[in-house]
């Protein structure tokens, strides 16, 4: 069974998800877009001063780009990839989120 056999909706949804994650990752990788980072955008000014904003944006941008590349891969190769790739993708996304949380709270502090 292929990944395409599991798809019941339109293919354009995958491309919209890819486009959203790609645009967000480009904004964050450029060092801008800290208002997209949940928790940081609502933090007080004293709390924000504890973090390197550019480094935090770039770290989150790398995490977003991993998810964007994963969505692109699934969109392009849905007729080739096996159906269990959904579980692999879910595992990659979960690891990516955990690593981003850890790096955001350790590496990105001043």
PDB file of N, CA and C in Angstrom:
ATOM      1  N   UNK A   1       0.841  -1.164   0.000  1.00  0.00           N
ATOM      2  CA  UNK A   1       0.000   0.000   0.000  1.00  0.00           C
ATOM      3  C   UNK A   1       0.898   1.243   0.000  1.00  0.00           C
ATOM      4  N   UNK A   2       0.568   2.190  -0.835  1.00  0.00           N
ATOM      5  CA  UNK A   2       1.332   3.427  -0.971  1.00  0.00           C
ATOM      6  C   UNK A   2       0.676   4.539  -0.161  1.00  0.00           C
ATOM      7  N   UNK A   3       1.432   5.613   0.036  1.00  0.00           N
ATOM      8  CA  UNK A   3       0.933   6.770   0.761  1.00  0.00           C
ATOM      9  C   UNK A   3      -0.257   7.396   0.042  1.00  0.00           C
ATOM     10  N   UNK A   4      -0.254   7.341  -1.283  1.00  0.00           N
ATOM     11  CA  UNK A   4      -1.352   7.909  -2.067  1.00  0.00           C
ATOM     12  C   UNK A   4      -2.662   7.161  -1.823  1.00  0.00           C
ATOM     13  N   UNK A   5      -2.581   5.894  -1.445  1.00  0.00           N
ATOM     14  CA  UNK A   5      -3.798   5.112  -1.180  1.00  0.00           C
ATOM     15  C   UNK A   5      -4.529   5.594   0.077  1.00  0.00           C
ATOM     16  N   UNK A   6      -3.799   6.212   0.993  1.00  0.00           N
ATOM     17  CA  UNK A   6      -4.410   6.713   2.221  1.00  0.00           C
ATOM     18  C   UNK A   6      -5.075   8.070   2.029  1.00  0.00           C
ATOM     19  N   UNK A   7      -4.650   8.790   1.008  1.00  0.00           N
ATOM     20  CA  UNK A   7      -5.156  10.145   0.790  1.00  0.00           C
ATOM     21  C   UNK A   7      -6.594  10.087   0.280  1.00  0.00           C
ATOM     22  N   UNK A   8      -7.479  10.767   0.991  1.00  0.00           N
ATOM     23  CA  UNK A   8      -8.873  10.805   0.559  1.00  0.00           C
ATOM     24  C   UNK A   8      -9.282  12.204   0.110  1.00  0.00           C
ATOM     25  N   UNK A   9      -8.469  13.202   0.475  1.00  0.00           N
ATOM     26  CA  UNK A   9      -8.790  14.587   0.128  1.00  0.00           C
ATOM     27  C   UNK A   9      -8.016  15.048  -1.091  1.00  0.00           C
ATOM     28  N   UNK A  10      -8.054  16.333  -1.313  1.00  0.00           N
ATOM     29  CA  UNK A  10      -7.363  16.930  -2.447  1.00  0.00           C
ATOM     30  C   UNK A  10      -5.864  17.024  -2.185  1.00  0.00           C
ATOM     31  N   UNK A  11      -5.099  16.947  -3.268  1.00  0.00           N
ATOM     32  CA  UNK A  11      -3.649  17.049  -3.146  1.00  0.00           C
ATOM     33  C   UNK A  11      -3.197  18.470  -2.841  1.00  0.00           C
ATOM     34  N   UNK A  12      -4.009  19.462  -3.157  1.00  0.00           N
ATOM     35  CA  UNK A  12      -3.595  20.843  -2.962  1.00  0.00           C
ATOM     36  C   UNK A  12      -3.460  21.207  -1.496  1.00  0.00           C
ATOM     37  N   UNK A  13      -4.068  20.451  -0.604  1.00  0.00           N
ATOM     38  CA  UNK A  13      -3.943  20.730   0.829  1.00  0.00           C
ATOM     39  C   UNK A  13      -2.502  20.519   1.290  1.00  0.00           C
ATOM     40  N   UNK A  14      -1.853  19.480   0.774  1.00  0.00           N
ATOM     41  CA  UNK A  14      -0.453  19.223   1.120  1.00  0.00           C
ATOM     42  C   UNK A  14       0.415  20.384   0.643  1.00  0.00           C
ATOM     43  N   UNK A  15       0.109  20.903  -0.539  1.00  0.00           N
ATOM     44  CA  UNK A  15       0.909  22.003  -1.080  1.00  0.00           C
ATOM     45  C   UNK A  15       0.681  23.288  -0.315  1.00  0.00           C
ATOM     46  N   UNK A  16      -0.519  23.512   0.185  1.00  0.00           N
ATOM     47  CA  UNK A  16      -0.786  24.702   1.009  1.00  0.00           C
ATOM     48  C   UNK A  16      -0.040  24.591   2.332  1.00  0.00           C
ATOM     49  N   UNK A  17      -0.053  23.413   2.935  1.00  0.00           N
ATOM     50  CA  UNK A  17       0.689  23.196   4.188  1.00  0.00           C
ATOM     51  C   UNK A  17       2.174  23.432   3.952  1.00  0.00           C
ATOM     52  N   UNK A  18       2.694  22.908   2.853  1.00  0.00           N
ATOM     53  CA  UNK A  18       4.104  23.128   2.524  1.00  0.00           C
ATOM     54  C   UNK A  18       4.387  24.611   2.354  1.00  0.00           C
ATOM     55  N   UNK A  19       3.544  25.327   1.628  1.00  0.00           N
ATOM     56  CA  UNK A  19       3.769  26.750   1.378  1.00  0.00           C
ATOM     57  C   UNK A  19       3.756  27.553   2.679  1.00  0.00           C
ATOM     58  N   UNK A  20       2.822  27.240   3.572  1.00  0.00           N
ATOM     59  CA  UNK A  20       2.739  27.956   4.847  1.00  0.00           C
ATOM     60  C   UNK A  20       4.004  27.721   5.664  1.00  0.00           C
ATOM     61  N   UNK A  21       4.418  26.467   5.799  1.00  0.00           N
ATOM     62  CA  UNK A  21       5.614  26.170   6.577  1.00  0.00           C
ATOM     63  C   UNK A  21       6.868  26.737   5.923  1.00  0.00           C
ATOM     64  N   UNK A  22       6.932  26.751   4.576  1.00  0.00           N
ATOM     65  CA  UNK A  22       8.091  27.306   3.880  1.00  0.00           C
ATOM     66  C   UNK A  22       8.189  28.813   4.103  1.00  0.00           C
ATOM     67  N   UNK A  23       7.078  29.514   3.995  1.00  0.00           N
ATOM     68  CA  UNK A  23       7.093  30.961   4.209  1.00  0.00           C
ATOM     69  C   UNK A  23       7.459  31.287   5.653  1.00  0.00           C
ATOM     70  N   UNK A  24       6.866  30.576   6.601  1.00  0.00           N
ATOM     71  CA  UNK A  24       7.189  30.814   8.007  1.00  0.00           C
ATOM     72  C   UNK A  24       8.664  30.520   8.300  1.00  0.00           C
ATOM     73  N   UNK A  25       9.200  29.463   7.715  1.00  0.00           N
ATOM     74  CA  UNK A  25      10.601  29.139   7.973  1.00  0.00           C
ATOM     75  C   UNK A  25      11.527  30.177   7.358  1.00  0.00           C
ATOM     76  N   UNK A  26      11.184  30.714   6.192  1.00  0.00           N
ATOM     77  CA  UNK A  26      12.009  31.763   5.581  1.00  0.00           C
ATOM     78  C   UNK A  26      11.992  33.018   6.447  1.00  0.00           C
ATOM     79  N   UNK A  27      10.826  33.399   6.936  1.00  0.00           N
ATOM     80  CA  UNK A  27      10.726  34.580   7.810  1.00  0.00           C
ATOM     81  C   UNK A  27      11.545  34.368   9.079  1.00  0.00           C
ATOM     82  N   UNK A  28      11.418  33.202   9.684  1.00  0.00           N
ATOM     83  CA  UNK A  28      12.139  32.939  10.926  1.00  0.00           C
ATOM     84  C   UNK A  28      13.640  32.780  10.695  1.00  0.00           C
ATOM     85  N   UNK A  29      14.041  32.150   9.592  1.00  0.00           N
ATOM     86  CA  UNK A  29      15.463  31.990   9.310  1.00  0.00           C
ATOM     87  C   UNK A  29      16.158  33.316   9.039  1.00  0.00           C
ATOM     88  N   UNK A  30      15.395  34.303   8.575  1.00  0.00           N
ATOM     89  CA  UNK A  30      15.981  35.618   8.346  1.00  0.00           C
ATOM     90  C   UNK A  30      16.192  36.377   9.655  1.00  0.00           C
ATOM     91  N   UNK A  31      15.734  35.824  10.763  1.00  0.00           N
ATOM     92  CA  UNK A  31      15.919  36.445  12.058  1.00  0.00           C
ATOM     93  C   UNK A  31      14.766  37.341  12.457  1.00  0.00           C
ATOM     94  N   UNK A  32      13.725  37.358  11.666  1.00  0.00           N
ATOM     95  CA  UNK A  32      12.551  38.173  11.950  1.00  0.00           C
ATOM     96  C   UNK A  32      11.397  37.241  12.316  1.00  0.00           C
ATOM     97  N   UNK A  33      10.285  37.811  12.673  1.00  0.00           N
ATOM     98  CA  UNK A  33       9.106  36.991  12.917  1.00  0.00           C
ATOM     99  C   UNK A  33       9.022  36.421  14.305  1.00  0.00           C
ATOM    100  N   UNK A  34       9.613  37.103  15.277  1.00  0.00           N
ATOM    101  CA  UNK A  34       9.532  36.574  16.645  1.00  0.00           C
ATOM    102  C   UNK A  34       8.097  36.563  17.150  1.00  0.00           C
ATOM    103  N   UNK A  35       7.218  37.323  16.509  1.00  0.00           N
ATOM    104  CA  UNK A  35       5.808  37.327  16.926  1.00  0.00           C
ATOM    105  C   UNK A  35       5.124  36.007  16.583  1.00  0.00           C
ATOM    106  N   UNK A  36       5.770  35.152  15.757  1.00  0.00           N
ATOM    107  CA  UNK A  36       5.206  33.841  15.439  1.00  0.00           C
ATOM    108  C   UNK A  36       5.529  32.796  16.505  1.00  0.00           C
ATOM    109  N   UNK A  37       6.473  33.111  17.383  1.00  0.00           N
ATOM    110  CA  UNK A  37       6.920  32.136  18.369  1.00  0.00           C
ATOM    111  C   UNK A  37       6.033  32.239  19.600  1.00  0.00           C
ATOM    112  N   UNK A  38       5.263  31.203  19.820  1.00  0.00           N
ATOM    113  CA  UNK A  38       4.322  31.184  20.940  1.00  0.00           C
ATOM    114  C   UNK A  38       5.086  31.218  22.259  1.00  0.00           C
ATOM    115  N   UNK A  39       4.627  32.023  23.158  1.00  0.00           N
ATOM    116  CA  UNK A  39       5.297  32.172  24.438  1.00  0.00           C
ATOM    117  C   UNK A  39       6.253  33.335  24.433  1.00  0.00           C
ATOM    118  N   UNK A  40       7.044  33.460  23.397  1.00  0.00           N
ATOM    119  CA  UNK A  40       7.980  34.587  23.314  1.00  0.00           C
ATOM    120  C   UNK A  40       7.236  35.878  23.014  1.00  0.00           C
ATOM    121  N   UNK A  41       6.240  35.790  22.148  1.00  0.00           N
ATOM    122  CA  UNK A  41       5.511  37.000  21.768  1.00  0.00           C
ATOM    123  C   UNK A  41       4.647  37.544  22.905  1.00  0.00           C
ATOM    124  N   UNK A  42       4.315  36.723  23.879  1.00  0.00           N
ATOM    125  CA  UNK A  42       3.500  37.182  25.007  1.00  0.00           C
ATOM    126  C   UNK A  42       4.319  37.396  26.271  1.00  0.00           C
ATOM    127  N   UNK A  43       5.622  37.157  26.196  1.00  0.00           N
ATOM    128  CA  UNK A  43       6.476  37.301  27.373  1.00  0.00           C
ATOM    129  C   UNK A  43       6.676  38.778  27.710  1.00  0.00           C
ATOM    130  N   UNK A  44       6.992  39.017  28.959  1.00  0.00           N
ATOM    131  CA  UNK A  44       7.283  40.389  29.376  1.00  0.00           C
ATOM    132  C   UNK A  44       8.646  40.807  28.821  1.00  0.00           C
ATOM    133  N   UNK A  45       8.902  42.094  28.865  1.00  0.00           N
ATOM    134  CA  UNK A  45      10.180  42.600  28.334  1.00  0.00           C
ATOM    135  C   UNK A  45      11.367  42.055  29.131  1.00  0.00           C
ATOM    136  N   UNK A  46      11.201  41.872  30.447  1.00  0.00           N
ATOM    137  CA  UNK A  46      12.290  41.306  31.256  1.00  0.00           C
ATOM    138  C   UNK A  46      12.589  39.872  30.835  1.00  0.00           C
ATOM    139  N   UNK A  47      11.528  39.121  30.528  1.00  0.00           N
ATOM    140  CA  UNK A  47      11.708  37.725  30.094  1.00  0.00           C
ATOM    141  C   UNK A  47      12.320  37.670  28.696  1.00  0.00           C
ATOM    142  N   UNK A  48      11.915  38.572  27.817  1.00  0.00           N
ATOM    143  CA  UNK A  48      12.455  38.604  26.450  1.00  0.00           C
ATOM    144  C   UNK A  48      13.941  38.941  26.448  1.00  0.00           C
ATOM    145  N   UNK A  49      14.378  39.735  27.410  1.00  0.00           N
ATOM    146  CA  UNK A  49      15.789  40.113  27.484  1.00  0.00           C
ATOM    147  C   UNK A  49      16.689  38.930  27.834  1.00  0.00           C
ATOM    148  N   UNK A  50      16.135  37.857  28.338  1.00  0.00           N
ATOM    149  CA  UNK A  50      16.914  36.671  28.691  1.00  0.00           C
ATOM    150  C   UNK A  50      17.272  35.835  27.465  1.00  0.00           C
ATOM    151  N   UNK A  51      16.649  36.115  26.308  1.00  0.00           N
ATOM    152  CA  UNK A  51      16.834  35.310  25.104  1.00  0.00           C
ATOM    153  C   UNK A  51      17.485  36.126  23.997  1.00  0.00           C
ATOM    154  N   UNK A  52      18.277  35.463  23.187  1.00  0.00           N
ATOM    155  CA  UNK A  52      18.813  36.055  21.972  1.00  0.00           C
ATOM    156  C   UNK A  52      17.749  35.883  20.894  1.00  0.00           C
ATOM    157  N   UNK A  53      17.095  36.974  20.529  1.00  0.00           N
ATOM    158  CA  UNK A  53      15.934  36.897  19.636  1.00  0.00           C
ATOM    159  C   UNK A  53      16.297  36.339  18.260  1.00  0.00           C
ATOM    160  N   UNK A  54      17.410  36.769  17.682  1.00  0.00           N
ATOM    161  CA  UNK A  54      17.812  36.280  16.353  1.00  0.00           C
ATOM    162  C   UNK A  54      18.094  34.784  16.389  1.00  0.00           C
ATOM    163  N   UNK A  55      18.798  34.343  17.424  1.00  0.00           N
ATOM    164  CA  UNK A  55      19.125  32.922  17.542  1.00  0.00           C
ATOM    165  C   UNK A  55      17.869  32.096  17.746  1.00  0.00           C
ATOM    166  N   UNK A  56      16.931  32.618  18.544  1.00  0.00           N
ATOM    167  CA  UNK A  56      15.674  31.915  18.776  1.00  0.00           C
ATOM    168  C   UNK A  56      14.872  31.807  17.481  1.00  0.00           C
ATOM    169  N   UNK A  57      14.816  32.889  16.721  1.00  0.00           N
ATOM    170  CA  UNK A  57      14.093  32.862  15.439  1.00  0.00           C
ATOM    171  C   UNK A  57      14.718  31.864  14.477  1.00  0.00           C
ATOM    172  N   UNK A  58      16.023  31.869  14.403  1.00  0.00           N
ATOM    173  CA  UNK A  58      16.699  30.943  13.479  1.00  0.00           C
ATOM    174  C   UNK A  58      16.533  29.489  13.911  1.00  0.00           C
ATOM    175  N   UNK A  59      16.578  29.237  15.203  1.00  0.00           N
ATOM    176  CA  UNK A  59      16.376  27.878  15.694  1.00  0.00           C
ATOM    177  C   UNK A  59      14.978  27.382  15.352  1.00  0.00           C
ATOM    178  N   UNK A  60      13.984  28.216  15.576  1.00  0.00           N
ATOM    179  CA  UNK A  60      12.605  27.833  15.247  1.00  0.00           C
ATOM    180  C   UNK A  60      12.424  27.729  13.726  1.00  0.00           C
ATOM    181  N   UNK A  61      13.141  28.558  12.973  1.00  0.00           N
ATOM    182  CA  UNK A  61      13.083  28.487  11.514  1.00  0.00           C
ATOM    183  C   UNK A  61      13.633  27.178  10.977  1.00  0.00           C
ATOM    184  N   UNK A  62      14.683  26.677  11.584  1.00  0.00           N
ATOM    185  CA  UNK A  62      15.236  25.384  11.168  1.00  0.00           C
ATOM    186  C   UNK A  62      14.228  24.276  11.446  1.00  0.00           C
ATOM    187  N   UNK A  63      13.583  24.338  12.603  1.00  0.00           N
ATOM    188  CA  UNK A  63      12.555  23.342  12.926  1.00  0.00           C
ATOM    189  C   UNK A  63      11.391  23.398  11.953  1.00  0.00           C
ATOM    190  N   UNK A  64      10.972  24.598  11.589  1.00  0.00           N
ATOM    191  CA  UNK A  64       9.880  24.749  10.612  1.00  0.00           C
ATOM    192  C   UNK A  64      10.295  24.244   9.238  1.00  0.00           C
ATOM    193  N   UNK A  65      11.550  24.476   8.870  1.00  0.00           N
ATOM    194  CA  UNK A  65      11.989  24.029   7.546  1.00  0.00           C
ATOM    195  C   UNK A  65      12.063  22.505   7.467  1.00  0.00           C
ATOM    196  N   UNK A  66      12.352  21.852   8.572  1.00  0.00           N
ATOM    197  CA  UNK A  66      12.337  20.381   8.580  1.00  0.00           C
ATOM    198  C   UNK A  66      10.925  19.877   8.296  1.00  0.00           C
ATOM    199  N   UNK A  67       9.933  20.500   8.920  1.00  0.00           N
ATOM    200  CA  UNK A  67       8.551  20.097   8.675  1.00  0.00           C
ATOM    201  C   UNK A  67       8.135  20.437   7.250  1.00  0.00           C
ATOM    202  N   UNK A  68       8.603  21.571   6.722  1.00  0.00           N
ATOM    203  CA  UNK A  68       8.289  21.950   5.340  1.00  0.00           C
ATOM    204  C   UNK A  68       8.888  20.956   4.348  1.00  0.00           C
ATOM    205  N   UNK A  69      10.120  20.557   4.587  1.00  0.00           N
ATOM    206  CA  UNK A  69      10.768  19.575   3.698  1.00  0.00           C
ATOM    207  C   UNK A  69      10.050  18.236   3.781  1.00  0.00           C
ATOM    208  N   UNK A  70       9.603  17.876   4.964  1.00  0.00           N
ATOM    209  CA  UNK A  70       8.854  16.632   5.133  1.00  0.00           C
ATOM    210  C   UNK A  70       7.537  16.673   4.367  1.00  0.00           C
ATOM    211  N   UNK A  71       6.826  17.802   4.436  1.00  0.00           N
ATOM    212  CA  UNK A  71       5.574  17.949   3.684  1.00  0.00           C
ATOM    213  C   UNK A  71       5.835  17.925   2.187  1.00  0.00           C
ATOM    214  N   UNK A  72       6.912  18.555   1.744  1.00  0.00           N
ATOM    215  CA  UNK A  72       7.281  18.533   0.326  1.00  0.00           C
ATOM    216  C   UNK A  72       7.586  17.112  -0.133  1.00  0.00           C
ATOM    217  N   UNK A  73       8.325  16.380   0.668  1.00  0.00           N
ATOM    218  CA  UNK A  73       8.654  14.995   0.335  1.00  0.00           C
ATOM    219  C   UNK A  73       7.393  14.144   0.218  1.00  0.00           C
ATOM    220  N   UNK A  74       6.485  14.323   1.153  1.00  0.00           N
ATOM    221  CA  UNK A  74       5.252  13.544   1.114  1.00  0.00           C
ATOM    222  C   UNK A  74       4.380  13.934  -0.078  1.00  0.00           C
ATOM    223  N   UNK A  75       4.404  15.199  -0.451  1.00  0.00           N
ATOM    224  CA  UNK A  75       3.626  15.640  -1.604  1.00  0.00           C
ATOM    225  C   UNK A  75       4.198  15.153  -2.927  1.00  0.00           C
ATOM    226  N   UNK A  76       5.518  15.191  -3.030  1.00  0.00           N
ATOM    227  CA  UNK A  76       6.152  14.793  -4.288  1.00  0.00           C
ATOM    228  C   UNK A  76       6.179  13.287  -4.500  1.00  0.00           C
ATOM    229  N   UNK A  77       6.380  12.556  -3.422  1.00  0.00           N
ATOM    230  CA  UNK A  77       6.597  11.114  -3.553  1.00  0.00           C
ATOM    231  C   UNK A  77       5.467  10.279  -2.971  1.00  0.00           C
ATOM    232  N   UNK A  78       4.241  10.801  -2.981  1.00  0.00           N
ATOM    233  CA  UNK A  78       3.137  10.046  -2.395  1.00  0.00           C
ATOM    234  C   UNK A  78       2.835   8.756  -3.154  1.00  0.00           C
ATOM    235  N   UNK A  79       3.182   8.683  -4.421  1.00  0.00           N
ATOM    236  CA  UNK A  79       2.949   7.453  -5.190  1.00  0.00           C
ATOM    237  C   UNK A  79       4.071   6.435  -5.012  1.00  0.00           C
ATOM    238  N   UNK A  80       5.160   6.855  -4.378  1.00  0.00           N
ATOM    239  CA  UNK A  80       6.313   5.970  -4.195  1.00  0.00           C
ATOM    240  C   UNK A  80       6.444   5.525  -2.743  1.00  0.00           C
ATOM    241  N   UNK A  81       6.195   6.443  -1.823  1.00  0.00           N
ATOM    242  CA  UNK A  81       6.381   6.151  -0.398  1.00  0.00           C
ATOM    243  C   UNK A  81       5.357   5.142   0.107  1.00  0.00           C
ATOM    244  N   UNK A  82       5.797   4.235   0.976  1.00  0.00           N
ATOM    245  CA  UNK A  82       4.842   3.286   1.563  1.00  0.00           C
ATOM    246  C   UNK A  82       3.929   3.983   2.567  1.00  0.00           C
ATOM    247  N   UNK A  83       2.826   3.381   2.870  1.00  0.00           N
ATOM    248  CA  UNK A  83       1.822   3.972   3.752  1.00  0.00           C
ATOM    249  C   UNK A  83       2.346   4.180   5.169  1.00  0.00           C
ATOM    250  N   UNK A  84       3.257   3.337   5.634  1.00  0.00           N
ATOM    251  CA  UNK A  84       3.762   3.486   6.999  1.00  0.00           C
ATOM    252  C   UNK A  84       4.680   4.692   7.146  1.00  0.00           C
ATOM    253  N   UNK A  85       4.974   5.391   6.044  1.00  0.00           N
ATOM    254  CA  UNK A  85       5.775   6.611   6.122  1.00  0.00           C
ATOM    255  C   UNK A  85       5.064   7.689   6.950  1.00  0.00           C
ATOM    256  N   UNK A  86       3.757   7.589   7.072  1.00  0.00           N
ATOM    257  CA  UNK A  86       3.005   8.528   7.907  1.00  0.00           C
ATOM    258  C   UNK A  86       3.505   8.430   9.348  1.00  0.00           C
ATOM    259  N   UNK A  87       3.753   7.228   9.829  1.00  0.00           N
ATOM    260  CA  UNK A  87       4.257   7.054  11.190  1.00  0.00           C
ATOM    261  C   UNK A  87       5.685   7.573  11.324  1.00  0.00           C
ATOM    262  N   UNK A  88       6.485   7.377  10.300  1.00  0.00           N
ATOM    263  CA  UNK A  88       7.850   7.909  10.306  1.00  0.00           C
ATOM    264  C   UNK A  88       7.806   9.434  10.335  1.00  0.00           C
ATOM    265  N   UNK A  89       6.938  10.025   9.520  1.00  0.00           N
ATOM    266  CA  UNK A  89       6.806  11.480   9.483  1.00  0.00           C
ATOM    267  C   UNK A  89       6.340  12.016  10.827  1.00  0.00           C
ATOM    268  N   UNK A  90       5.393  11.352  11.442  1.00  0.00           N
ATOM    269  CA  UNK A  90       4.912  11.769  12.753  1.00  0.00           C
ATOM    270  C   UNK A  90       6.031  11.710  13.788  1.00  0.00           C
ATOM    271  N   UNK A  91       6.827  10.671  13.743  1.00  0.00           N
ATOM    272  CA  UNK A  91       7.966  10.554  14.656  1.00  0.00           C
ATOM    273  C   UNK A  91       8.985  11.659  14.436  1.00  0.00           C
ATOM    274  N   UNK A  92       9.266  11.982  13.179  1.00  0.00           N
ATOM    275  CA  UNK A  92      10.206  13.061  12.867  1.00  0.00           C
ATOM    276  C   UNK A  92       9.682  14.394  13.393  1.00  0.00           C
ATOM    277  N   UNK A  93       8.389  14.646  13.204  1.00  0.00           N
ATOM    278  CA  UNK A  93       7.803  15.903  13.669  1.00  0.00           C
ATOM    279  C   UNK A  93       7.856  15.986  15.194  1.00  0.00           C
ATOM    280  N   UNK A  94       7.542  14.892  15.894  1.00  0.00           N
ATOM    281  CA  UNK A  94       7.593  14.900  17.361  1.00  0.00           C
ATOM    282  C   UNK A  94       9.007  15.142  17.877  1.00  0.00           C
ATOM    283  N   UNK A  95       9.992  14.483  17.273  1.00  0.00           N
ATOM    284  CA  UNK A  95      11.389  14.694  17.671  1.00  0.00           C
ATOM    285  C   UNK A  95      11.804  16.131  17.380  1.00  0.00           C
ATOM    286  N   UNK A  96      11.385  16.655  16.239  1.00  0.00           N
ATOM    287  CA  UNK A  96      11.702  18.032  15.856  1.00  0.00           C
ATOM    288  C   UNK A  96      11.140  19.027  16.872  1.00  0.00           C
ATOM    289  N   UNK A  97       9.918  18.821  17.294  1.00  0.00           N
ATOM    290  CA  UNK A  97       9.287  19.726  18.262  1.00  0.00           C
ATOM    291  C   UNK A  97      10.013  19.662  19.607  1.00  0.00           C
ATOM    292  N   UNK A  98      10.332  18.465  20.067  1.00  0.00           N
ATOM    293  CA  UNK A  98      11.021  18.317  21.350  1.00  0.00           C
ATOM    294  C   UNK A  98      12.403  18.968  21.289  1.00  0.00           C
ATOM    295  N   UNK A  99      13.139  18.737  20.217  1.00  0.00           N
ATOM    296  CA  UNK A  99      14.471  19.332  20.069  1.00  0.00           C
ATOM    297  C   UNK A  99      14.370  20.850  20.006  1.00  0.00           C
ATOM    298  N   UNK A 100      13.366  21.370  19.304  1.00  0.00           N
ATOM    299  CA  UNK A 100      13.182  22.823  19.228  1.00  0.00           C
ATOM    300  C   UNK A 100      12.888  23.415  20.602  1.00  0.00           C
ATOM    301  N   UNK A 101      12.070  22.753  21.390  1.00  0.00           N
ATOM    302  CA  UNK A 101      11.765  23.249  22.738  1.00  0.00           C
ATOM    303  C   UNK A 101      13.023  23.254  23.601  1.00  0.00           C
ATOM    304  N   UNK A 102      13.789  22.180  23.527  1.00  0.00           N
ATOM    305  CA  UNK A 102      15.015  22.094  24.334  1.00  0.00           C
ATOM    306  C   UNK A 102      16.026  23.144  23.894  1.00  0.00           C
ATOM    307  N   UNK A 103      16.261  23.260  22.592  1.00  0.00           N
ATOM    308  CA  UNK A 103      17.233  24.246  22.101  1.00  0.00           C
ATOM    309  C   UNK A 103      16.768  25.674  22.357  1.00  0.00           C
ATOM    310  N   UNK A 104      15.474  25.910  22.220  1.00  0.00           N
ATOM    311  CA  UNK A 104      14.956  27.249  22.473  1.00  0.00           C
ATOM    312  C   UNK A 104      15.137  27.681  23.905  1.00  0.00           C
ATOM    313  N   UNK A 105      15.110  26.735  24.838  1.00  0.00           N
ATOM    314  CA  UNK A 105      15.244  27.076  26.243  1.00  0.00           C
ATOM    315  C   UNK A 105      16.670  26.965  26.774  1.00  0.00           C
ATOM    316  N   UNK A 106      17.588  26.430  25.985  1.00  0.00           N
ATOM    317  CA  UNK A 106      18.973  26.319  26.447  1.00  0.00           C
ATOM    318  C   UNK A 106      19.927  27.116  25.552  1.00  0.00           C
ATOM    319  N   UNK A 107      19.989  26.780  24.308  1.00  0.00           N
ATOM    320  CA  UNK A 107      20.943  27.386  23.377  1.00  0.00           C
ATOM    321  C   UNK A 107      20.633  28.852  23.108  1.00  0.00           C
ATOM    322  N   UNK A 108      19.395  29.220  23.133  1.00  0.00           N
ATOM    323  CA  UNK A 108      18.987  30.573  22.756  1.00  0.00           C
ATOM    324  C   UNK A 108      18.965  31.556  23.913  1.00  0.00           C
ATOM    325  N   UNK A 109      19.319  31.115  25.102  1.00  0.00           N
ATOM    326  CA  UNK A 109      19.400  32.041  26.237  1.00  0.00           C
ATOM    327  C   UNK A 109      20.706  32.828  26.142  1.00  0.00           C
ATOM    328  N   UNK A 110      20.669  34.054  26.652  1.00  0.00           N
ATOM    329  CA  UNK A 110      21.886  34.894  26.642  1.00  0.00           C
ATOM    330  C   UNK A 110      22.848  34.465  27.711  1.00  0.00           C
TER     331      UNK A 110
END
